[in-house]
Amino acid sequence: MQVGADNIEASRVNGTRVYNTDGDNLGHIYDVVIGKRDGRVKYAIMSFGGFLGIGEDYHPIPWDVLKYDERQGGYVVGITIDQLKNAPRYASDTSPDWVDPAYGKRIDDYYGVSY
């Protein structure tokens, strides 16, 4: 395992801004989903919408489609705001079934990720 400048604690990832390639602020990372067996980060859960935490939706985004941009100090994903509005999401007062492979497949298919 390589230790270096590319490593970050999960607690520091939470709250990091997410932008699209046009520089629009889409939201921030609320949490990450980690594979139990392989320990890899699978998804970033991005908080989008709402006001002061009310009415927020959580958007799972495959970790592999996020790229860190040092200049912006946040992650960049190649989608528009309209695409994000149609992306798989769940309300902040619910929790998806991460054990169901169909749920992950729906997210991966939307973002064009194949595993």
PDB file of N, CA and C in Angstrom:
ATOM      1  N   MET A   1       0.843  -1.178   0.000  1.00  0.00           N
ATOM      2  CA  MET A   1       0.000   0.000   0.000  1.00  0.00           C
ATOM      3  C   MET A   1       0.886   1.238   0.000  1.00  0.00           C
ATOM      4  N   GLN A   2       0.547   2.180  -0.832  1.00  0.00           N
ATOM      5  CA  GLN A   2       1.321   3.404  -0.934  1.00  0.00           C
ATOM      6  C   GLN A   2       0.697   4.480  -0.055  1.00  0.00           C
ATOM      7  N   VAL A   3       1.512   5.129   0.738  1.00  0.00           N
ATOM      8  CA  VAL A   3       1.060   6.233   1.579  1.00  0.00           C
ATOM      9  C   VAL A   3       1.599   7.508   0.964  1.00  0.00           C
ATOM     10  N   GLY A   4       0.741   8.525   0.859  1.00  0.00           N
ATOM     11  CA  GLY A   4       1.221   9.764   0.271  1.00  0.00           C
ATOM     12  C   GLY A   4       0.148  10.817   0.187  1.00  0.00           C
ATOM     13  N   ALA A   5       0.415  11.807  -0.648  1.00  0.00           N
ATOM     14  CA  ALA A   5      -0.446  12.980  -0.753  1.00  0.00           C
ATOM     15  C   ALA A   5      -1.829  12.674  -1.308  1.00  0.00           C
ATOM     16  N   ASP A   6      -2.004  11.538  -1.971  1.00  0.00           N
ATOM     17  CA  ASP A   6      -3.316  11.203  -2.533  1.00  0.00           C
ATOM     18  C   ASP A   6      -4.267  10.591  -1.516  1.00  0.00           C
ATOM     19  N   ASN A   7      -3.796  10.310  -0.324  1.00  0.00           N
ATOM     20  CA  ASN A   7      -4.647   9.679   0.686  1.00  0.00           C
ATOM     21  C   ASN A   7      -5.358  10.734   1.521  1.00  0.00           C
ATOM     22  N   ILE A   8      -6.579  10.386   1.957  1.00  0.00           N
ATOM     23  CA  ILE A   8      -7.368  11.298   2.776  1.00  0.00           C
ATOM     24  C   ILE A   8      -8.263  10.471   3.691  1.00  0.00           C
ATOM     25  N   GLU A   9      -8.492  10.965   4.880  1.00  0.00           N
ATOM     26  CA  GLU A   9      -9.388  10.292   5.815  1.00  0.00           C
ATOM     27  C   GLU A   9     -10.827  10.486   5.348  1.00  0.00           C
ATOM     28  N   ALA A  10     -11.644   9.449   5.517  1.00  0.00           N
ATOM     29  CA  ALA A  10     -13.050   9.525   5.095  1.00  0.00           C
ATOM     30  C   ALA A  10     -13.760  10.696   5.757  1.00  0.00           C
ATOM     31  N   SER A  11     -13.446  10.978   7.004  1.00  0.00           N
ATOM     32  CA  SER A  11     -14.110  12.082   7.704  1.00  0.00           C
ATOM     33  C   SER A  11     -13.808  13.431   7.064  1.00  0.00           C
ATOM     34  N   ARG A  12     -12.692  13.529   6.344  1.00  0.00           N
ATOM     35  CA  ARG A  12     -12.357  14.783   5.662  1.00  0.00           C
ATOM     36  C   ARG A  12     -12.987  14.863   4.277  1.00  0.00           C
ATOM     37  N   VAL A  13     -13.359  13.716   3.721  1.00  0.00           N
ATOM     38  CA  VAL A  13     -14.048  13.708   2.426  1.00  0.00           C
ATOM     39  C   VAL A  13     -15.462  14.252   2.609  1.00  0.00           C
ATOM     40  N   ASN A  14     -16.106  13.848   3.698  1.00  0.00           N
ATOM     41  CA  ASN A  14     -17.465  14.328   3.980  1.00  0.00           C
ATOM     42  C   ASN A  14     -17.439  15.848   4.083  1.00  0.00           C
ATOM     43  N   GLY A  15     -18.361  16.483   3.373  1.00  0.00           N
ATOM     44  CA  GLY A  15     -18.430  17.937   3.347  1.00  0.00           C
ATOM     45  C   GLY A  15     -17.706  18.565   2.172  1.00  0.00           C
ATOM     46  N   THR A  16     -16.904  17.781   1.447  1.00  0.00           N
ATOM     47  CA  THR A  16     -16.176  18.312   0.294  1.00  0.00           C
ATOM     48  C   THR A  16     -17.154  18.624  -0.830  1.00  0.00           C
ATOM     49  N   ARG A  17     -16.989  19.763  -1.444  1.00  0.00           N
ATOM     50  CA  ARG A  17     -17.865  20.200  -2.526  1.00  0.00           C
ATOM     51  C   ARG A  17     -17.701  19.323  -3.764  1.00  0.00           C
ATOM     52  N   VAL A  18     -18.811  19.223  -4.525  1.00  0.00           N
ATOM     53  CA  VAL A  18     -18.814  18.509  -5.799  1.00  0.00           C
ATOM     54  C   VAL A  18     -19.264  19.494  -6.873  1.00  0.00           C
ATOM     55  N   TYR A  19     -18.501  19.571  -7.945  1.00  0.00           N
ATOM     56  CA  TYR A  19     -18.776  20.475  -9.058  1.00  0.00           C
ATOM     57  C   TYR A  19     -18.968  19.661 -10.330  1.00  0.00           C
ATOM     58  N   ASN A  20     -19.624  20.287 -11.319  1.00  0.00           N
ATOM     59  CA  ASN A  20     -19.624  19.650 -12.634  1.00  0.00           C
ATOM     60  C   ASN A  20     -18.505  20.273 -13.459  1.00  0.00           C
ATOM     61  N   THR A  21     -18.332  19.807 -14.685  1.00  0.00           N
ATOM     62  CA  THR A  21     -17.216  20.282 -15.506  1.00  0.00           C
ATOM     63  C   THR A  21     -17.368  21.741 -15.928  1.00  0.00           C
ATOM     64  N   ASP A  22     -18.583  22.303 -15.780  1.00  0.00           N
ATOM     65  CA  ASP A  22     -18.794  23.728 -16.052  1.00  0.00           C
ATOM     66  C   ASP A  22     -18.454  24.588 -14.841  1.00  0.00           C
ATOM     67  N   GLY A  23     -18.100  23.953 -13.717  1.00  0.00           N
ATOM     68  CA  GLY A  23     -17.765  24.690 -12.503  1.00  0.00           C
ATOM     69  C   GLY A  23     -18.942  24.967 -11.593  1.00  0.00           C
ATOM     70  N   ASP A  24     -20.140  24.441 -11.950  1.00  0.00           N
ATOM     71  CA  ASP A  24     -21.315  24.635 -11.098  1.00  0.00           C
ATOM     72  C   ASP A  24     -21.179  23.794  -9.835  1.00  0.00           C
ATOM     73  N   ASN A  25     -21.488  24.390  -8.697  1.00  0.00           N
ATOM     74  CA  ASN A  25     -21.479  23.673  -7.426  1.00  0.00           C
ATOM     75  C   ASN A  25     -22.741  22.823  -7.355  1.00  0.00           C
ATOM     76  N   LEU A  26     -22.578  21.498  -7.364  1.00  0.00           N
ATOM     77  CA  LEU A  26     -23.727  20.594  -7.354  1.00  0.00           C
ATOM     78  C   LEU A  26     -24.166  20.226  -5.946  1.00  0.00           C
ATOM     79  N   GLY A  27     -23.280  20.261  -5.006  1.00  0.00           N
ATOM     80  CA  GLY A  27     -23.598  19.854  -3.637  1.00  0.00           C
ATOM     81  C   GLY A  27     -22.319  19.503  -2.909  1.00  0.00           C
ATOM     82  N   HIS A  28     -22.451  18.660  -1.893  1.00  0.00           N
ATOM     83  CA  HIS A  28     -21.271  18.225  -1.148  1.00  0.00           C
ATOM     84  C   HIS A  28     -21.388  16.745  -0.800  1.00  0.00           C
ATOM     85  N   ILE A  29     -20.263  16.143  -0.537  1.00  0.00           N
ATOM     86  CA  ILE A  29     -20.264  14.728  -0.171  1.00  0.00           C
ATOM     87  C   ILE A  29     -20.751  14.598   1.262  1.00  0.00           C
ATOM     88  N   TYR A  30     -21.796  13.814   1.416  1.00  0.00           N
ATOM     89  CA  TYR A  30     -22.403  13.570   2.721  1.00  0.00           C
ATOM     90  C   TYR A  30     -21.794  12.333   3.376  1.00  0.00           C
ATOM     91  N   ASP A  31     -21.485  11.330   2.571  1.00  0.00           N
ATOM     92  CA  ASP A  31     -20.985  10.067   3.100  1.00  0.00           C
ATOM     93  C   ASP A  31     -20.339   9.285   1.961  1.00  0.00           C
ATOM     94  N   VAL A  32     -19.703   8.188   2.295  1.00  0.00           N
ATOM     95  CA  VAL A  32     -19.164   7.277   1.291  1.00  0.00           C
ATOM     96  C   VAL A  32     -19.627   5.861   1.608  1.00  0.00           C
ATOM     97  N   VAL A  33     -19.746   5.045   0.568  1.00  0.00           N
ATOM     98  CA  VAL A  33     -20.119   3.639   0.711  1.00  0.00           C
ATOM     99  C   VAL A  33     -18.878   2.814   0.388  1.00  0.00           C
ATOM    100  N   ILE A  34     -18.525   1.929   1.305  1.00  0.00           N
ATOM    101  CA  ILE A  34     -17.310   1.124   1.186  1.00  0.00           C
ATOM    102  C   ILE A  34     -17.678  -0.347   1.073  1.00  0.00           C
ATOM    103  N   GLY A  35     -17.010  -1.058   0.173  1.00  0.00           N
ATOM    104  CA  GLY A  35     -17.219  -2.499   0.050  1.00  0.00           C
ATOM    105  C   GLY A  35     -16.752  -3.216   1.313  1.00  0.00           C
ATOM    106  N   LYS A  36     -17.612  -4.045   1.874  1.00  0.00           N
ATOM    107  CA  LYS A  36     -17.262  -4.758   3.112  1.00  0.00           C
ATOM    108  C   LYS A  36     -16.082  -5.695   2.925  1.00  0.00           C
ATOM    109  N   ARG A  37     -16.021  -6.339   1.792  1.00  0.00           N
ATOM    110  CA  ARG A  37     -14.984  -7.356   1.589  1.00  0.00           C
ATOM    111  C   ARG A  37     -13.678  -6.793   1.024  1.00  0.00           C
ATOM    112  N   ASP A  38     -13.791  -5.880   0.067  1.00  0.00           N
ATOM    113  CA  ASP A  38     -12.557  -5.395  -0.560  1.00  0.00           C
ATOM    114  C   ASP A  38     -12.066  -4.064   0.002  1.00  0.00           C
ATOM    115  N   GLY A  39     -12.885  -3.383   0.803  1.00  0.00           N
ATOM    116  CA  GLY A  39     -12.466  -2.136   1.427  1.00  0.00           C
ATOM    117  C   GLY A  39     -12.385  -0.946   0.495  1.00  0.00           C
ATOM    118  N   ARG A  40     -12.816  -1.110  -0.747  1.00  0.00           N
ATOM    119  CA  ARG A  40     -12.771  -0.010  -1.725  1.00  0.00           C
ATOM    120  C   ARG A  40     -13.973   0.911  -1.567  1.00  0.00           C
ATOM    121  N   VAL A  41     -13.757   2.200  -1.792  1.00  0.00           N
ATOM    122  CA  VAL A  41     -14.877   3.139  -1.828  1.00  0.00           C
ATOM    123  C   VAL A  41     -15.641   2.873  -3.112  1.00  0.00           C
ATOM    124  N   LYS A  42     -16.928   2.603  -2.991  1.00  0.00           N
ATOM    125  CA  LYS A  42     -17.774   2.296  -4.151  1.00  0.00           C
ATOM    126  C   LYS A  42     -18.526   3.534  -4.632  1.00  0.00           C
ATOM    127  N   TYR A  43     -19.123   4.264  -3.680  1.00  0.00           N
ATOM    128  CA  TYR A  43     -19.959   5.414  -4.029  1.00  0.00           C
ATOM    129  C   TYR A  43     -19.697   6.569  -3.077  1.00  0.00           C
ATOM    130  N   ALA A  44     -19.810   7.768  -3.611  1.00  0.00           N
ATOM    131  CA  ALA A  44     -19.905   8.967  -2.790  1.00  0.00           C
ATOM    132  C   ALA A  44     -21.382   9.313  -2.727  1.00  0.00           C
ATOM    133  N   ILE A  45     -21.879   9.596  -1.555  1.00  0.00           N
ATOM    134  CA  ILE A  45     -23.264  10.023  -1.402  1.00  0.00           C
ATOM    135  C   ILE A  45     -23.240  11.542  -1.365  1.00  0.00           C
ATOM    136  N   MET A  46     -23.780  12.157  -2.416  1.00  0.00           N
ATOM    137  CA  MET A  46     -23.770  13.603  -2.513  1.00  0.00           C
ATOM    138  C   MET A  46     -25.102  14.173  -2.067  1.00  0.00           C
ATOM    139  N   SER A  47     -25.039  15.184  -1.227  1.00  0.00           N
ATOM    140  CA  SER A  47     -26.232  15.894  -0.784  1.00  0.00           C
ATOM    141  C   SER A  47     -26.525  16.997  -1.794  1.00  0.00           C
ATOM    142  N   PHE A  48     -27.783  17.073  -2.210  1.00  0.00           N
ATOM    143  CA  PHE A  48     -28.171  18.039  -3.241  1.00  0.00           C
ATOM    144  C   PHE A  48     -29.542  18.596  -2.913  1.00  0.00           C
ATOM    145  N   GLY A  49     -29.697  19.904  -3.042  1.00  0.00           N
ATOM    146  CA  GLY A  49     -30.998  20.535  -2.839  1.00  0.00           C
ATOM    147  C   GLY A  49     -31.285  20.796  -1.376  1.00  0.00           C
ATOM    148  N   GLY A  50     -32.485  21.233  -1.131  1.00  0.00           N
ATOM    149  CA  GLY A  50     -32.905  21.499   0.237  1.00  0.00           C
ATOM    150  C   GLY A  50     -32.341  22.806   0.767  1.00  0.00           C
ATOM    151  N   PHE A  51     -32.732  23.104   2.001  1.00  0.00           N
ATOM    152  CA  PHE A  51     -32.288  24.320   2.666  1.00  0.00           C
ATOM    153  C   PHE A  51     -32.037  23.987   4.123  1.00  0.00           C
ATOM    154  N   LEU A  52     -30.819  24.208   4.574  1.00  0.00           N
ATOM    155  CA  LEU A  52     -30.430  23.894   5.953  1.00  0.00           C
ATOM    156  C   LEU A  52     -30.735  22.447   6.321  1.00  0.00           C
ATOM    157  N   GLY A  53     -30.513  21.552   5.368  1.00  0.00           N
ATOM    158  CA  GLY A  53     -30.708  20.132   5.629  1.00  0.00           C
ATOM    159  C   GLY A  53     -32.129  19.643   5.458  1.00  0.00           C
ATOM    160  N   ILE A  54     -33.069  20.542   5.165  1.00  0.00           N
ATOM    161  CA  ILE A  54     -34.468  20.150   4.994  1.00  0.00           C
ATOM    162  C   ILE A  54     -34.745  19.993   3.505  1.00  0.00           C
ATOM    163  N   GLY A  55     -35.293  18.847   3.122  1.00  0.00           N
ATOM    164  CA  GLY A  55     -35.634  18.595   1.732  1.00  0.00           C
ATOM    165  C   GLY A  55     -34.469  18.153   0.875  1.00  0.00           C
ATOM    166  N   GLU A  56     -33.345  17.833   1.507  1.00  0.00           N
ATOM    167  CA  GLU A  56     -32.199  17.357   0.740  1.00  0.00           C
ATOM    168  C   GLU A  56     -32.466  15.974   0.174  1.00  0.00           C
ATOM    169  N   ASP A  57     -31.900  15.729  -0.981  1.00  0.00           N
ATOM    170  CA  ASP A  57     -31.862  14.390  -1.554  1.00  0.00           C
ATOM    171  C   ASP A  57     -30.419  13.934  -1.552  1.00  0.00           C
ATOM    172  N   TYR A  58     -30.237  12.628  -1.449  1.00  0.00           N
ATOM    173  CA  TYR A  58     -28.905  12.044  -1.510  1.00  0.00           C
ATOM    174  C   TYR A  58     -28.745  11.314  -2.832  1.00  0.00           C
ATOM    175  N   HIS A  59     -27.680  11.635  -3.525  1.00  0.00           N
ATOM    176  CA  HIS A  59     -27.382  11.057  -4.831  1.00  0.00           C
ATOM    177  C   HIS A  59     -26.132  10.198  -4.737  1.00  0.00           C
ATOM    178  N   PRO A  60     -26.284   8.872  -4.849  1.00  0.00           N
ATOM    179  CA  PRO A  60     -25.095   8.019  -4.895  1.00  0.00           C
ATOM    180  C   PRO A  60     -24.405   8.175  -6.251  1.00  0.00           C
ATOM    181  N   ILE A  61     -23.127   8.482  -6.212  1.00  0.00           N
ATOM    182  CA  ILE A  61     -22.347   8.656  -7.433  1.00  0.00           C
ATOM    183  C   ILE A  61     -21.187   7.665  -7.386  1.00  0.00           C
ATOM    184  N   PRO A  62     -21.010   6.856  -8.436  1.00  0.00           N
ATOM    185  CA  PRO A  62     -19.874   5.927  -8.430  1.00  0.00           C
ATOM    186  C   PRO A  62     -18.561   6.678  -8.197  1.00  0.00           C
ATOM    187  N   TRP A  63     -17.781   6.189  -7.256  1.00  0.00           N
ATOM    188  CA  TRP A  63     -16.530   6.860  -6.899  1.00  0.00           C
ATOM    189  C   TRP A  63     -15.620   7.031  -8.113  1.00  0.00           C
ATOM    190  N   ASP A  64     -15.645   6.073  -9.016  1.00  0.00           N
ATOM    191  CA  ASP A  64     -14.746   6.109 -10.172  1.00  0.00           C
ATOM    192  C   ASP A  64     -15.047   7.239 -11.155  1.00  0.00           C
ATOM    193  N   VAL A  65     -16.215   7.872 -11.081  1.00  0.00           N
ATOM    194  CA  VAL A  65     -16.510   8.973 -12.001  1.00  0.00           C
ATOM    195  C   VAL A  65     -16.150  10.330 -11.399  1.00  0.00           C
ATOM    196  N   LEU A  66     -15.751  10.348 -10.140  1.00  0.00           N
ATOM    197  CA  LEU A  66     -15.336  11.593  -9.484  1.00  0.00           C
ATOM    198  C   LEU A  66     -13.831  11.786  -9.644  1.00  0.00           C
ATOM    199  N   LYS A  67     -13.447  12.994  -9.944  1.00  0.00           N
ATOM    200  CA  LYS A  67     -12.024  13.341 -10.037  1.00  0.00           C
ATOM    201  C   LYS A  67     -11.785  14.540  -9.121  1.00  0.00           C
ATOM    202  N   TYR A  68     -10.718  14.481  -8.333  1.00  0.00           N
ATOM    203  CA  TYR A  68     -10.419  15.596  -7.437  1.00  0.00           C
ATOM    204  C   TYR A  68      -9.730  16.711  -8.209  1.00  0.00           C
ATOM    205  N   ASP A  69     -10.214  17.942  -8.022  1.00  0.00           N
ATOM    206  CA  ASP A  69      -9.641  19.120  -8.668  1.00  0.00           C
ATOM    207  C   ASP A  69      -9.018  19.998  -7.580  1.00  0.00           C
ATOM    208  N   GLU A  70      -7.705  20.044  -7.543  1.00  0.00           N
ATOM    209  CA  GLU A  70      -7.009  20.816  -6.505  1.00  0.00           C
ATOM    210  C   GLU A  70      -7.332  22.297  -6.593  1.00  0.00           C
ATOM    211  N   ARG A  71      -7.506  22.801  -7.798  1.00  0.00           N
ATOM    212  CA  ARG A  71      -7.782  24.227  -7.977  1.00  0.00           C
ATOM    213  C   ARG A  71      -9.094  24.617  -7.311  1.00  0.00           C
ATOM    214  N   GLN A  72     -10.112  23.764  -7.468  1.00  0.00           N
ATOM    215  CA  GLN A  72     -11.419  24.057  -6.872  1.00  0.00           C
ATOM    216  C   GLN A  72     -11.529  23.538  -5.437  1.00  0.00           C
ATOM    217  N   GLY A  73     -10.623  22.655  -5.072  1.00  0.00           N
ATOM    218  CA  GLY A  73     -10.681  22.086  -3.731  1.00  0.00           C
ATOM    219  C   GLY A  73     -11.875  21.179  -3.540  1.00  0.00           C
ATOM    220  N   GLY A  74     -12.278  20.509  -4.630  1.00  0.00           N
ATOM    221  CA  GLY A  74     -13.430  19.621  -4.561  1.00  0.00           C
ATOM    222  C   GLY A  74     -13.389  18.593  -5.675  1.00  0.00           C
ATOM    223  N   TYR A  75     -14.412  17.771  -5.703  1.00  0.00           N
ATOM    224  CA  TYR A  75     -14.520  16.718  -6.706  1.00  0.00           C
ATOM    225  C   TYR A  75     -15.329  17.216  -7.893  1.00  0.00           C
ATOM    226  N   VAL A  76     -15.021  16.684  -9.073  1.00  0.00           N
ATOM    227  CA  VAL A  76     -15.707  17.064 -10.309  1.00  0.00           C
ATOM    228  C   VAL A  76     -16.312  15.810 -10.918  1.00  0.00           C
ATOM    229  N   VAL A  77     -17.562  15.944 -11.368  1.00  0.00           N
ATOM    230  CA  VAL A  77     -18.261  14.859 -12.048  1.00  0.00           C
ATOM    231  C   VAL A  77     -18.802  15.416 -13.364  1.00  0.00           C
ATOM    232  N   GLY A  78     -18.775  14.616 -14.404  1.00  0.00           N
ATOM    233  CA  GLY A  78     -19.163  15.072 -15.738  1.00  0.00           C
ATOM    234  C   GLY A  78     -20.652  14.974 -16.017  1.00  0.00           C
ATOM    235  N   ILE A  79     -21.481  15.641 -15.217  1.00  0.00           N
ATOM    236  CA  ILE A  79     -22.922  15.678 -15.471  1.00  0.00           C
ATOM    237  C   ILE A  79     -23.424  17.106 -15.305  1.00  0.00           C
ATOM    238  N   THR A  80     -24.546  17.386 -15.952  1.00  0.00           N
ATOM    239  CA  THR A  80     -25.179  18.694 -15.808  1.00  0.00           C
ATOM    240  C   THR A  80     -26.140  18.663 -14.619  1.00  0.00           C
ATOM    241  N   ILE A  81     -26.604  19.827 -14.231  1.00  0.00           N
ATOM    242  CA  ILE A  81     -27.589  19.901 -13.147  1.00  0.00           C
ATOM    243  C   ILE A  81     -28.860  19.161 -13.540  1.00  0.00           C
ATOM    244  N   ASP A  82     -29.287  19.288 -14.805  1.00  0.00           N
ATOM    245  CA  ASP A  82     -30.490  18.568 -15.256  1.00  0.00           C
ATOM    246  C   ASP A  82     -30.291  17.058 -15.198  1.00  0.00           C
ATOM    247  N   GLN A  83     -29.119  16.579 -15.589  1.00  0.00           N
ATOM    248  CA  GLN A  83     -28.848  15.141 -15.488  1.00  0.00           C
ATOM    249  C   GLN A  83     -28.865  14.695 -14.027  1.00  0.00           C
ATOM    250  N   LEU A  84     -28.348  15.527 -13.149  1.00  0.00           N
ATOM    251  CA  LEU A  84     -28.351  15.191 -11.726  1.00  0.00           C
ATOM    252  C   LEU A  84     -29.776  15.095 -11.190  1.00  0.00           C
ATOM    253  N   LYS A  85     -30.641  15.976 -11.646  1.00  0.00           N
ATOM    254  CA  LYS A  85     -32.038  15.953 -11.180  1.00  0.00           C
ATOM    255  C   LYS A  85     -32.739  14.656 -11.561  1.00  0.00           C
ATOM    256  N   ASN A  86     -32.288  14.007 -12.634  1.00  0.00           N
ATOM    257  CA  ASN A  86     -32.887  12.744 -13.079  1.00  0.00           C
ATOM    258  C   ASN A  86     -32.108  11.519 -12.611  1.00  0.00           C
ATOM    259  N   ALA A  87     -31.026  11.733 -11.894  1.00  0.00           N
ATOM    260  CA  ALA A  87     -30.166  10.626 -11.454  1.00  0.00           C
ATOM    261  C   ALA A  87     -30.806   9.860 -10.300  1.00  0.00           C
ATOM    262  N   PRO A  88     -30.394   8.609 -10.096  1.00  0.00           N
ATOM    263  CA  PRO A  88     -30.881   7.850  -8.941  1.00  0.00           C
ATOM    264  C   PRO A  88     -30.596   8.614  -7.648  1.00  0.00           C
ATOM    265  N   ARG A  89     -31.574   8.628  -6.763  1.00  0.00           N
ATOM    266  CA  ARG A  89     -31.433   9.357  -5.501  1.00  0.00           C
ATOM    267  C   ARG A  89     -32.379   8.776  -4.467  1.00  0.00           C
ATOM    268  N   TYR A  90     -32.204   9.220  -3.251  1.00  0.00           N
ATOM    269  CA  TYR A  90     -33.130   8.839  -2.189  1.00  0.00           C
ATOM    270  C   TYR A  90     -33.255  10.000  -1.215  1.00  0.00           C
ATOM    271  N   ALA A  91     -34.385  10.057  -0.525  1.00  0.00           N
ATOM    272  CA  ALA A  91     -34.650  11.136   0.426  1.00  0.00           C
ATOM    273  C   ALA A  91     -33.769  10.972   1.659  1.00  0.00           C
ATOM    274  N   SER A  92     -33.473  12.082   2.307  1.00  0.00           N
ATOM    275  CA  SER A  92     -32.577  12.056   3.460  1.00  0.00           C
ATOM    276  C   SER A  92     -33.133  11.270   4.638  1.00  0.00           C
ATOM    277  N   ASP A  93     -34.438  11.027   4.656  1.00  0.00           N
ATOM    278  CA  ASP A  93     -35.030  10.279   5.774  1.00  0.00           C
ATOM    279  C   ASP A  93     -35.217   8.796   5.450  1.00  0.00           C
ATOM    280  N   THR A  94     -34.603   8.333   4.361  1.00  0.00           N
ATOM    281  CA  THR A  94     -34.675   6.918   3.984  1.00  0.00           C
ATOM    282  C   THR A  94     -33.261   6.378   3.776  1.00  0.00           C
ATOM    283  N   SER A  95     -33.178   5.085   3.584  1.00  0.00           N
ATOM    284  CA  SER A  95     -31.889   4.457   3.306  1.00  0.00           C
ATOM    285  C   SER A  95     -32.093   3.372   2.258  1.00  0.00           C
ATOM    286  N   PRO A  96     -31.282   3.369   1.205  1.00  0.00           N
ATOM    287  CA  PRO A  96     -31.449   2.360   0.155  1.00  0.00           C
ATOM    288  C   PRO A  96     -30.965   0.988   0.615  1.00  0.00           C
ATOM    289  N   ASP A  97     -31.325  -0.007  -0.150  1.00  0.00           N
ATOM    290  CA  ASP A  97     -30.905  -1.379   0.121  1.00  0.00           C
ATOM    291  C   ASP A  97     -29.591  -1.639  -0.612  1.00  0.00           C
ATOM    292  N   TRP A  98     -28.473  -1.354   0.051  1.00  0.00           N
ATOM    293  CA  TRP A  98     -27.166  -1.512  -0.581  1.00  0.00           C
ATOM    294  C   TRP A  98     -26.825  -2.964  -0.860  1.00  0.00           C
ATOM    295  N   VAL A  99     -27.535  -3.902  -0.239  1.00  0.00           N
ATOM    296  CA  VAL A  99     -27.279  -5.326  -0.459  1.00  0.00           C
ATOM    297  C   VAL A  99     -27.860  -5.791  -1.794  1.00  0.00           C
ATOM    298  N   ASP A 100     -28.871  -5.081  -2.293  1.00  0.00           N
ATOM    299  CA  ASP A 100     -29.538  -5.445  -3.542  1.00  0.00           C
ATOM    300  C   ASP A 100     -28.655  -5.066  -4.734  1.00  0.00           C
ATOM    301  N   PRO A 101     -28.133  -6.049  -5.479  1.00  0.00           N
ATOM    302  CA  PRO A 101     -27.266  -5.733  -6.616  1.00  0.00           C
ATOM    303  C   PRO A 101     -27.962  -4.897  -7.688  1.00  0.00           C
ATOM    304  N   ALA A 102     -29.276  -5.017  -7.803  1.00  0.00           N
ATOM    305  CA  ALA A 102     -30.008  -4.245  -8.812  1.00  0.00           C
ATOM    306  C   ALA A 102     -29.935  -2.748  -8.515  1.00  0.00           C
ATOM    307  N   TYR A 103     -29.873  -2.390  -7.240  1.00  0.00           N
ATOM    308  CA  TYR A 103     -29.788  -0.973  -6.883  1.00  0.00           C
ATOM    309  C   TYR A 103     -28.455  -0.390  -7.365  1.00  0.00           C
ATOM    310  N   GLY A 104     -27.364  -1.073  -7.072  1.00  0.00           N
ATOM    311  CA  GLY A 104     -26.060  -0.610  -7.534  1.00  0.00           C
ATOM    312  C   GLY A 104     -25.952  -0.594  -9.048  1.00  0.00           C
ATOM    313  N   LYS A 105     -26.544  -1.581  -9.700  1.00  0.00           N
ATOM    314  CA  LYS A 105     -26.509  -1.646 -11.163  1.00  0.00           C
ATOM    315  C   LYS A 105     -27.230  -0.454 -11.780  1.00  0.00           C
ATOM    316  N   ARG A 106     -28.354  -0.068 -11.178  1.00  0.00           N
ATOM    317  CA  ARG A 106     -29.106   1.084 -11.693  1.00  0.00           C
ATOM    318  C   ARG A 106     -28.254   2.356 -11.618  1.00  0.00           C
ATOM    319  N   ILE A 107     -27.545   2.530 -10.523  1.00  0.00           N
ATOM    320  CA  ILE A 107     -26.667   3.698 -10.371  1.00  0.00           C
ATOM    321  C   ILE A 107     -25.528   3.633 -11.386  1.00  0.00           C
ATOM    322  N   ASP A 108     -24.863   2.483 -11.440  1.00  0.00           N
ATOM    323  CA  ASP A 108     -23.728   2.327 -12.356  1.00  0.00           C
ATOM    324  C   ASP A 108     -24.147   2.535 -13.808  1.00  0.00           C
ATOM    325  N   ASP A 109     -25.300   1.983 -14.186  1.00  0.00           N
ATOM    326  CA  ASP A 109     -25.790   2.148 -15.558  1.00  0.00           C
ATOM    327  C   ASP A 109     -26.057   3.614 -15.872  1.00  0.00           C
ATOM    328  N   TYR A 110     -26.636   4.341 -14.922  1.00  0.00           N
ATOM    329  CA  TYR A 110     -26.948   5.753 -15.166  1.00  0.00           C
ATOM    330  C   TYR A 110     -25.670   6.547 -15.457  1.00  0.00           C
ATOM    331  N   TYR A 111     -24.616   6.248 -14.726  1.00  0.00           N
ATOM    332  CA  TYR A 111     -23.365   6.991 -14.886  1.00  0.00           C
ATOM    333  C   TYR A 111     -22.411   6.349 -15.890  1.00  0.00           C
ATOM    334  N   GLY A 112     -22.837   5.245 -16.527  1.00  0.00           N
ATOM    335  CA  GLY A 112     -22.022   4.604 -17.549  1.00  0.00           C
ATOM    336  C   GLY A 112     -20.809   3.868 -17.009  1.00  0.00           C
ATOM    337  N   VAL A 113     -20.938   3.341 -15.794  1.00  0.00           N
ATOM    338  CA  VAL A 113     -19.842   2.607 -15.165  1.00  0.00           C
ATOM    339  C   VAL A 113     -20.134   1.120 -15.260  1.00  0.00           C
ATOM    340  N   SER A 114     -19.129   0.342 -15.620  1.00  0.00           N
ATOM    341  CA  SER A 114     -19.309  -1.112 -15.628  1.00  0.00           C
ATOM    342  C   SER A 114     -18.222  -1.741 -14.776  1.00  0.00           C
ATOM    343  N   TYR A 115     -18.616  -2.747 -14.030  1.00  0.00           N
ATOM    344  CA  TYR A 115     -17.661  -3.443 -13.156  1.00  0.00           C
ATOM    345  C   TYR A 115     -17.560  -4.882 -13.535  1.00  0.00           C
TER     346      TYR A 115
END
